[in-house]
Amino acid sequence: MNIGVTIFPGSNCDRDAMRAVELVGATPVQLWHADPDLKNVDAVIVPGGFSYGDYLRPGAIARFASVMGEVERFANAGGPVLGVCNGFQVLTEAHLLPGALLQNMNLRFVSKRVRVRVEARDTPWTAACESGEELMLPVAHNEGNYFADADTLARLEDESRVVLRYLENPNGSANDIAGVCNEARNVVGIMPHPERVSDDLLGSDEGLKILRSVLVGAGV
């Protein structure tokens, strides 16, 4: 399975994501921001970092990169897309996911490991997890405070589209939301970094469950 990883100016988790892709037995493919070509990949990861220096708003400029037009078409055709941290922000700016990521409630950058619970496993990025399973994953963000209006939040809850939920809310996210999916359930955005806990040398390999899921869903 070939999994593309987008690379923007300011991305800093692309190499980690590609290494994690290798560890689950897939082939990572670099997708340069200025190249409108997904190179026939089977899935796409939009990794963390500070795309374009987070000017304007995190993800607001990356959303208009040439590669994102292809990512949007891929997602709208049902292709599996995962946004991690800044990637989550990019996907909300591209309107592939609802809501927005605001500045953390304490107005400080948060970098630590937090417990999250898997709320929905019927997505390409949680299929290898158990419903209700708890994971310890790192967060590292300044704008991770998930916000949506009351109607959107109610719809996300009613449609079981909250994918991950914080058990230790680090940023003030509404309903302790750490990740959501789109209506078709093929596009997922999460704030925690699974690629940062993908090897025992990093203290844990729990994050591989998220990345391995897309292989499970594809029957690989």
C-alpha atoms as a PDB file:
ATOM      1  CA  MET A   1       0.000   0.000   0.000  1.00  0.00           C
ATOM      2  CA  ASN A   2       1.326   3.462  -0.907  1.00  0.00           C
ATOM      3  CA  ILE A   3       0.599   6.254   1.566  1.00  0.00           C
ATOM      4  CA  GLY A   4       1.320   9.834   0.543  1.00  0.00           C
ATOM      5  CA  VAL A   5       2.599  12.405   3.031  1.00  0.00           C
ATOM      6  CA  THR A   6       2.201  16.063   2.080  1.00  0.00           C
ATOM      7  CA  ILE A   7       5.158  18.368   2.629  1.00  0.00           C
ATOM      8  CA  PHE A   8       4.623  22.118   3.063  1.00  0.00           C
ATOM      9  CA  PRO A   9       7.151  24.806   3.935  1.00  0.00           C
ATOM     10  CA  GLY A  10       7.188  24.532   7.718  1.00  0.00           C
ATOM     11  CA  SER A  11       6.110  20.885   7.960  1.00  0.00           C
ATOM     12  CA  ASN A  12       8.179  19.221  10.670  1.00  0.00           C
ATOM     13  CA  CYS A  13       6.494  15.863  11.177  1.00  0.00           C
ATOM     14  CA  ASP A  14       6.597  14.623   7.594  1.00  0.00           C
ATOM     15  CA  ARG A  15       9.734  12.499   8.129  1.00  0.00           C
ATOM     16  CA  ASP A  16       8.309  11.017  11.319  1.00  0.00           C
ATOM     17  CA  ALA A  17       5.067  10.187   9.490  1.00  0.00           C
ATOM     18  CA  MET A  18       6.948   8.526   6.629  1.00  0.00           C
ATOM     19  CA  ARG A  19       9.009   6.451   9.054  1.00  0.00           C
ATOM     20  CA  ALA A  20       5.833   5.361  10.865  1.00  0.00           C
ATOM     21  CA  VAL A  21       4.287   4.404   7.519  1.00  0.00           C
ATOM     22  CA  GLU A  22       7.304   2.168   6.865  1.00  0.00           C
ATOM     23  CA  LEU A  23       6.948   0.596  10.309  1.00  0.00           C
ATOM     24  CA  VAL A  24       3.396  -0.553   9.569  1.00  0.00           C
ATOM     25  CA  GLY A  25       4.558  -2.166   6.334  1.00  0.00           C
ATOM     26  CA  ALA A  26       3.391   0.424   3.793  1.00  0.00           C
ATOM     27  CA  THR A  27       5.392   2.535   1.351  1.00  0.00           C
ATOM     28  CA  PRO A  28       5.628   6.273   2.084  1.00  0.00           C
ATOM     29  CA  VAL A  29       5.384   8.674  -0.861  1.00  0.00           C
ATOM     30  CA  GLN A  30       6.435  12.322  -0.603  1.00  0.00           C
ATOM     31  CA  LEU A  31       3.818  14.760  -1.920  1.00  0.00           C
ATOM     32  CA  TRP A  32       5.411  18.177  -2.473  1.00  0.00           C
ATOM     33  CA  HIS A  33       3.106  21.118  -1.800  1.00  0.00           C
ATOM     34  CA  ALA A  34       3.643  22.723  -5.226  1.00  0.00           C
ATOM     35  CA  ASP A  35       3.102  19.513  -7.199  1.00  0.00           C
ATOM     36  CA  PRO A  36      -0.574  18.790  -8.038  1.00  0.00           C
ATOM     37  CA  ASP A  37       0.021  15.051  -8.279  1.00  0.00           C
ATOM     38  CA  LEU A  38      -0.831  12.398  -5.686  1.00  0.00           C
ATOM     39  CA  LYS A  39       1.256   9.802  -7.547  1.00  0.00           C
ATOM     40  CA  ASN A  40      -1.487   7.161  -7.414  1.00  0.00           C
ATOM     41  CA  VAL A  41      -1.295   6.749  -3.633  1.00  0.00           C
ATOM     42  CA  ASP A  42      -3.879   4.705  -1.757  1.00  0.00           C
ATOM     43  CA  ALA A  43      -4.152   7.071   1.224  1.00  0.00           C
ATOM     44  CA  VAL A  44      -2.898  10.511   2.266  1.00  0.00           C
ATOM     45  CA  ILE A  45      -1.522  11.884   5.532  1.00  0.00           C
ATOM     46  CA  VAL A  46      -1.357  15.650   6.072  1.00  0.00           C
ATOM     47  CA  PRO A  47       1.257  15.837   8.849  1.00  0.00           C
ATOM     48  CA  GLY A  48       1.942  18.242  11.664  1.00  0.00           C
ATOM     49  CA  GLY A  49       4.200  21.262  11.789  1.00  0.00           C
ATOM     50  CA  PHE A  50       3.792  24.939  11.083  1.00  0.00           C
ATOM     51  CA  SER A  51       2.851  25.094   7.408  1.00  0.00           C
ATOM     52  CA  TYR A  52       3.813  28.488   5.990  1.00  0.00           C
ATOM     53  CA  GLY A  53       4.775  29.588   9.501  1.00  0.00           C
ATOM     54  CA  ASP A  54       1.130  29.555  10.629  1.00  0.00           C
ATOM     55  CA  TYR A  55       0.719  33.006   9.068  1.00  0.00           C
ATOM     56  CA  LEU A  56      -2.883  34.279   8.977  1.00  0.00           C
ATOM     57  CA  ARG A  57      -4.176  31.154  10.752  1.00  0.00           C
ATOM     58  CA  PRO A  58      -2.689  27.671  11.049  1.00  0.00           C
ATOM     59  CA  GLY A  59      -3.471  25.844   7.821  1.00  0.00           C
ATOM     60  CA  ALA A  60      -5.026  28.866   6.101  1.00  0.00           C
ATOM     61  CA  ILE A  61      -2.311  29.209   3.444  1.00  0.00           C
ATOM     62  CA  ALA A  62      -1.529  25.499   3.068  1.00  0.00           C
ATOM     63  CA  ARG A  63      -5.173  24.954   2.202  1.00  0.00           C
ATOM     64  CA  PHE A  64      -4.494  26.698  -1.164  1.00  0.00           C
ATOM     65  CA  ALA A  65      -1.329  24.733  -2.043  1.00  0.00           C
ATOM     66  CA  SER A  66      -1.412  22.972  -5.408  1.00  0.00           C
ATOM     67  CA  VAL A  67      -1.306  19.526  -3.823  1.00  0.00           C
ATOM     68  CA  MET A  68      -4.397  20.282  -1.732  1.00  0.00           C
ATOM     69  CA  GLY A  69      -6.622  20.550  -4.786  1.00  0.00           C
ATOM     70  CA  GLU A  70      -5.762  16.922  -5.513  1.00  0.00           C
ATOM     71  CA  VAL A  71      -6.171  15.942  -1.863  1.00  0.00           C
ATOM     72  CA  GLU A  72      -9.664  17.461  -1.888  1.00  0.00           C
ATOM     73  CA  ARG A  73     -10.609  15.563  -5.049  1.00  0.00           C
ATOM     74  CA  PHE A  74      -9.177  12.351  -3.591  1.00  0.00           C
ATOM     75  CA  ALA A  75     -11.118  12.850  -0.346  1.00  0.00           C
ATOM     76  CA  ASN A  76     -14.368  13.682  -2.118  1.00  0.00           C
ATOM     77  CA  ALA A  77     -13.987  10.476  -4.134  1.00  0.00           C
ATOM     78  CA  GLY A  78     -13.771   8.457  -0.900  1.00  0.00           C
ATOM     79  CA  GLY A  79      -9.998   8.233  -0.487  1.00  0.00           C
ATOM     80  CA  PRO A  80      -8.669   7.844   3.093  1.00  0.00           C
ATOM     81  CA  VAL A  81      -7.160  11.102   4.376  1.00  0.00           C
ATOM     82  CA  LEU A  82      -5.681  11.710   7.833  1.00  0.00           C
ATOM     83  CA  GLY A  83      -4.769  15.155   9.155  1.00  0.00           C
ATOM     84  CA  VAL A  84      -2.541  15.264  12.232  1.00  0.00           C
ATOM     85  CA  CYS A  85      -2.258  18.452  14.325  1.00  0.00           C
ATOM     86  CA  ASN A  86      -1.458  21.132  11.703  1.00  0.00           C
ATOM     87  CA  GLY A  87      -2.866  18.680   9.175  1.00  0.00           C
ATOM     88  CA  PHE A  88      -6.159  18.717  11.103  1.00  0.00           C
ATOM     89  CA  GLN A  89      -6.085  22.512  10.906  1.00  0.00           C
ATOM     90  CA  VAL A  90      -5.445  22.339   7.138  1.00  0.00           C
ATOM     91  CA  LEU A  91      -8.407  19.998   6.646  1.00  0.00           C
ATOM     92  CA  THR A  92     -10.781  22.283   8.540  1.00  0.00           C
ATOM     93  CA  GLU A  93      -9.556  25.274   6.519  1.00  0.00           C
ATOM     94  CA  ALA A  94     -10.191  23.238   3.342  1.00  0.00           C
ATOM     95  CA  HIS A  95     -13.726  22.478   4.604  1.00  0.00           C
ATOM     96  CA  LEU A  96     -13.053  18.766   4.430  1.00  0.00           C
ATOM     97  CA  LEU A  97     -13.847  18.640   8.148  1.00  0.00           C
ATOM     98  CA  PRO A  98     -16.225  20.780  10.212  1.00  0.00           C
ATOM     99  CA  GLY A  99     -15.248  23.203  12.943  1.00  0.00           C
ATOM    100  CA  ALA A 100     -12.071  25.129  13.655  1.00  0.00           C
ATOM    101  CA  LEU A 101      -9.020  24.877  15.889  1.00  0.00           C
ATOM    102  CA  LEU A 102      -8.689  27.919  18.136  1.00  0.00           C
ATOM    103  CA  GLN A 103      -5.901  29.006  20.443  1.00  0.00           C
ATOM    104  CA  ASN A 104      -5.526  26.852  23.529  1.00  0.00           C
ATOM    105  CA  MET A 105      -7.648  28.037  26.423  1.00  0.00           C
ATOM    106  CA  ASN A 106      -4.595  28.726  28.603  1.00  0.00           C
ATOM    107  CA  LEU A 107      -2.999  30.750  25.747  1.00  0.00           C
ATOM    108  CA  ARG A 108       0.128  28.601  25.963  1.00  0.00           C
ATOM    109  CA  PHE A 109       1.755  26.031  23.700  1.00  0.00           C
ATOM    110  CA  VAL A 110       1.015  22.556  25.068  1.00  0.00           C
ATOM    111  CA  SER A 111       3.482  19.694  24.622  1.00  0.00           C
ATOM    112  CA  LYS A 112       2.869  16.502  26.586  1.00  0.00           C
ATOM    113  CA  ARG A 113       1.354  13.043  26.384  1.00  0.00           C
ATOM    114  CA  VAL A 114      -2.351  12.773  27.116  1.00  0.00           C
ATOM    115  CA  ARG A 115      -4.859   9.945  27.372  1.00  0.00           C
ATOM    116  CA  VAL A 116      -7.481   9.737  24.651  1.00  0.00           C
ATOM    117  CA  ARG A 117     -10.320   7.304  24.095  1.00  0.00           C
ATOM    118  CA  VAL A 118     -11.247   5.808  20.729  1.00  0.00           C
ATOM    119  CA  GLU A 119     -14.895   6.758  20.237  1.00  0.00           C
ATOM    120  CA  ALA A 120     -15.417   5.460  16.691  1.00  0.00           C
ATOM    121  CA  ARG A 121     -13.563   2.604  15.023  1.00  0.00           C
ATOM    122  CA  ASP A 122     -15.536   2.593  11.759  1.00  0.00           C
ATOM    123  CA  THR A 123     -13.082   4.882   9.947  1.00  0.00           C
ATOM    124  CA  PRO A 124     -10.032   3.973   7.855  1.00  0.00           C
ATOM    125  CA  TRP A 125      -7.814   5.404  10.587  1.00  0.00           C
ATOM    126  CA  THR A 126      -9.275   3.641  13.647  1.00  0.00           C
ATOM    127  CA  ALA A 127     -10.198   0.215  12.252  1.00  0.00           C
ATOM    128  CA  ALA A 128      -7.311  -1.465  14.097  1.00  0.00           C
ATOM    129  CA  CYS A 129      -8.460  -0.022  17.443  1.00  0.00           C
ATOM    130  CA  GLU A 130     -11.175  -1.189  19.788  1.00  0.00           C
ATOM    131  CA  SER A 131     -14.137   1.040  20.548  1.00  0.00           C
ATOM    132  CA  GLY A 132     -13.494   2.569  23.966  1.00  0.00           C
ATOM    133  CA  GLU A 133      -9.782   1.738  23.819  1.00  0.00           C
ATOM    134  CA  GLU A 134      -7.551   4.220  25.596  1.00  0.00           C
ATOM    135  CA  LEU A 135      -4.290   5.430  24.064  1.00  0.00           C
ATOM    136  CA  MET A 136      -1.532   7.640  25.433  1.00  0.00           C
ATOM    137  CA  LEU A 137      -0.542   9.998  22.615  1.00  0.00           C
ATOM    138  CA  PRO A 138       1.563  13.181  22.457  1.00  0.00           C
ATOM    139  CA  VAL A 139       0.107  16.583  21.695  1.00  0.00           C
ATOM    140  CA  ALA A 140       2.164  19.609  20.659  1.00  0.00           C
ATOM    141  CA  HIS A 141       0.143  22.628  19.588  1.00  0.00           C
ATOM    142  CA  ASN A 142      -0.800  26.220  20.275  1.00  0.00           C
ATOM    143  CA  GLU A 143      -4.135  26.087  18.444  1.00  0.00           C
ATOM    144  CA  GLY A 144      -5.724  22.779  19.346  1.00  0.00           C
ATOM    145  CA  ASN A 145      -8.900  24.016  20.992  1.00  0.00           C
ATOM    146  CA  TYR A 146     -11.635  22.435  18.840  1.00  0.00           C
ATOM    147  CA  PHE A 147     -14.618  24.699  18.276  1.00  0.00           C
ATOM    148  CA  ALA A 148     -17.891  24.273  16.410  1.00  0.00           C
ATOM    149  CA  ASP A 149     -21.334  25.769  16.848  1.00  0.00           C
ATOM    150  CA  ALA A 150     -23.884  23.957  19.002  1.00  0.00           C
ATOM    151  CA  ASP A 151     -25.735  22.424  16.047  1.00  0.00           C
ATOM    152  CA  THR A 152     -22.512  21.065  14.533  1.00  0.00           C
ATOM    153  CA  LEU A 153     -21.382  19.624  17.860  1.00  0.00           C
ATOM    154  CA  ALA A 154     -24.761  17.945  18.328  1.00  0.00           C
ATOM    155  CA  ARG A 155     -24.590  16.486  14.816  1.00  0.00           C
ATOM    156  CA  LEU A 156     -21.055  15.181  15.381  1.00  0.00           C
ATOM    157  CA  GLU A 157     -22.163  13.456  18.566  1.00  0.00           C
ATOM    158  CA  ASP A 158     -25.426  12.104  17.128  1.00  0.00           C
ATOM    159  CA  GLU A 159     -23.646  10.709  14.044  1.00  0.00           C
ATOM    160  CA  SER A 160     -20.771   9.217  16.079  1.00  0.00           C
ATOM    161  CA  ARG A 161     -18.276  11.385  14.209  1.00  0.00           C
ATOM    162  CA  VAL A 162     -16.127  12.166  17.241  1.00  0.00           C
ATOM    163  CA  VAL A 163     -13.241   9.791  16.567  1.00  0.00           C
ATOM    164  CA  LEU A 164     -10.974  10.502  19.562  1.00  0.00           C
ATOM    165  CA  ARG A 165     -11.880  12.154  22.853  1.00  0.00           C
ATOM    166  CA  TYR A 166      -9.522  13.548  25.453  1.00  0.00           C
ATOM    167  CA  LEU A 167      -9.657  11.976  28.890  1.00  0.00           C
ATOM    168  CA  GLU A 168      -7.269  14.734  29.956  1.00  0.00           C
ATOM    169  CA  ASN A 169      -8.290  17.843  28.023  1.00  0.00           C
ATOM    170  CA  PRO A 170      -5.111  19.893  27.400  1.00  0.00           C
ATOM    171  CA  ASN A 171      -6.561  22.789  25.438  1.00  0.00           C
ATOM    172  CA  GLY A 172     -10.228  23.467  26.240  1.00  0.00           C
ATOM    173  CA  SER A 173     -11.665  21.609  23.227  1.00  0.00           C
ATOM    174  CA  ALA A 174     -15.457  21.510  23.115  1.00  0.00           C
ATOM    175  CA  ASN A 175     -16.808  18.175  24.373  1.00  0.00           C
ATOM    176  CA  ASP A 176     -13.172  17.093  24.943  1.00  0.00           C
ATOM    177  CA  ILE A 177     -12.897  16.452  21.195  1.00  0.00           C
ATOM    178  CA  ALA A 178      -9.462  15.285  20.037  1.00  0.00           C
ATOM    179  CA  GLY A 179     -10.481  14.140  16.563  1.00  0.00           C
ATOM    180  CA  VAL A 180     -13.438  14.064  14.178  1.00  0.00           C
ATOM    181  CA  CYS A 181     -14.368  12.585  10.807  1.00  0.00           C
ATOM    182  CA  ASN A 182     -16.423  13.787   7.850  1.00  0.00           C
ATOM    183  CA  GLU A 183     -19.897  12.509   6.970  1.00  0.00           C
ATOM    184  CA  ALA A 184     -18.474   9.837   4.662  1.00  0.00           C
ATOM    185  CA  ARG A 185     -16.059   8.819   7.472  1.00  0.00           C
ATOM    186  CA  ASN A 186     -13.038   8.596   5.136  1.00  0.00           C
ATOM    187  CA  VAL A 187     -11.471  11.909   6.229  1.00  0.00           C
ATOM    188  CA  VAL A 188     -10.209  12.084   9.819  1.00  0.00           C
ATOM    189  CA  GLY A 189      -8.496  14.894  11.696  1.00  0.00           C
ATOM    190  CA  ILE A 190      -6.793  14.399  15.064  1.00  0.00           C
ATOM    191  CA  MET A 191      -4.683  16.699  17.208  1.00  0.00           C
ATOM    192  CA  PRO A 192      -2.504  14.026  18.924  1.00  0.00           C
ATOM    193  CA  HIS A 193       0.577  12.767  17.062  1.00  0.00           C
ATOM    194  CA  PRO A 194       0.490   8.981  16.522  1.00  0.00           C
ATOM    195  CA  GLU A 195       3.775   9.092  14.575  1.00  0.00           C
ATOM    196  CA  ARG A 196       5.592  10.330  17.680  1.00  0.00           C
ATOM    197  CA  VAL A 197       4.825   7.081  19.498  1.00  0.00           C
ATOM    198  CA  SER A 198       5.552   4.649  16.707  1.00  0.00           C
ATOM    199  CA  ASP A 199       8.592   2.829  18.082  1.00  0.00           C
ATOM    200  CA  ASP A 200       9.586   1.424  21.469  1.00  0.00           C
ATOM    201  CA  LEU A 201      12.683   3.614  21.236  1.00  0.00           C
ATOM    202  CA  LEU A 202      10.284   6.566  21.570  1.00  0.00           C
ATOM    203  CA  GLY A 203       8.821   5.057  24.728  1.00  0.00           C
ATOM    204  CA  SER A 204       5.768   3.533  23.028  1.00  0.00           C
ATOM    205  CA  ASP A 205       4.486   2.267  19.701  1.00  0.00           C
ATOM    206  CA  GLU A 206       0.785   2.857  20.475  1.00  0.00           C
ATOM    207  CA  GLY A 207       0.498   5.325  17.630  1.00  0.00           C
ATOM    208  CA  LEU A 208       1.000   2.553  15.089  1.00  0.00           C
ATOM    209  CA  LYS A 209      -2.565   1.411  15.780  1.00  0.00           C
ATOM    210  CA  ILE A 210      -3.838   4.573  14.100  1.00  0.00           C
ATOM    211  CA  LEU A 211      -1.590   4.212  11.062  1.00  0.00           C
ATOM    212  CA  ARG A 212      -2.013   0.443  10.784  1.00  0.00           C
ATOM    213  CA  SER A 213      -5.767   0.930  10.660  1.00  0.00           C
ATOM    214  CA  VAL A 214      -5.743   2.102   7.057  1.00  0.00           C
ATOM    215  CA  LEU A 215      -4.128  -1.197   6.041  1.00  0.00           C
ATOM    216  CA  VAL A 216      -6.699  -3.172   8.024  1.00  0.00           C
ATOM    217  CA  GLY A 217      -9.542  -1.278   6.359  1.00  0.00           C
ATOM    218  CA  ALA A 218      -8.047  -2.005   2.949  1.00  0.00           C
ATOM    219  CA  GLY A 219      -7.649  -5.695   3.755  1.00  0.00           C
ATOM    220  CA  VAL A 220      -3.858  -5.513   3.516  1.00  0.00           C
END
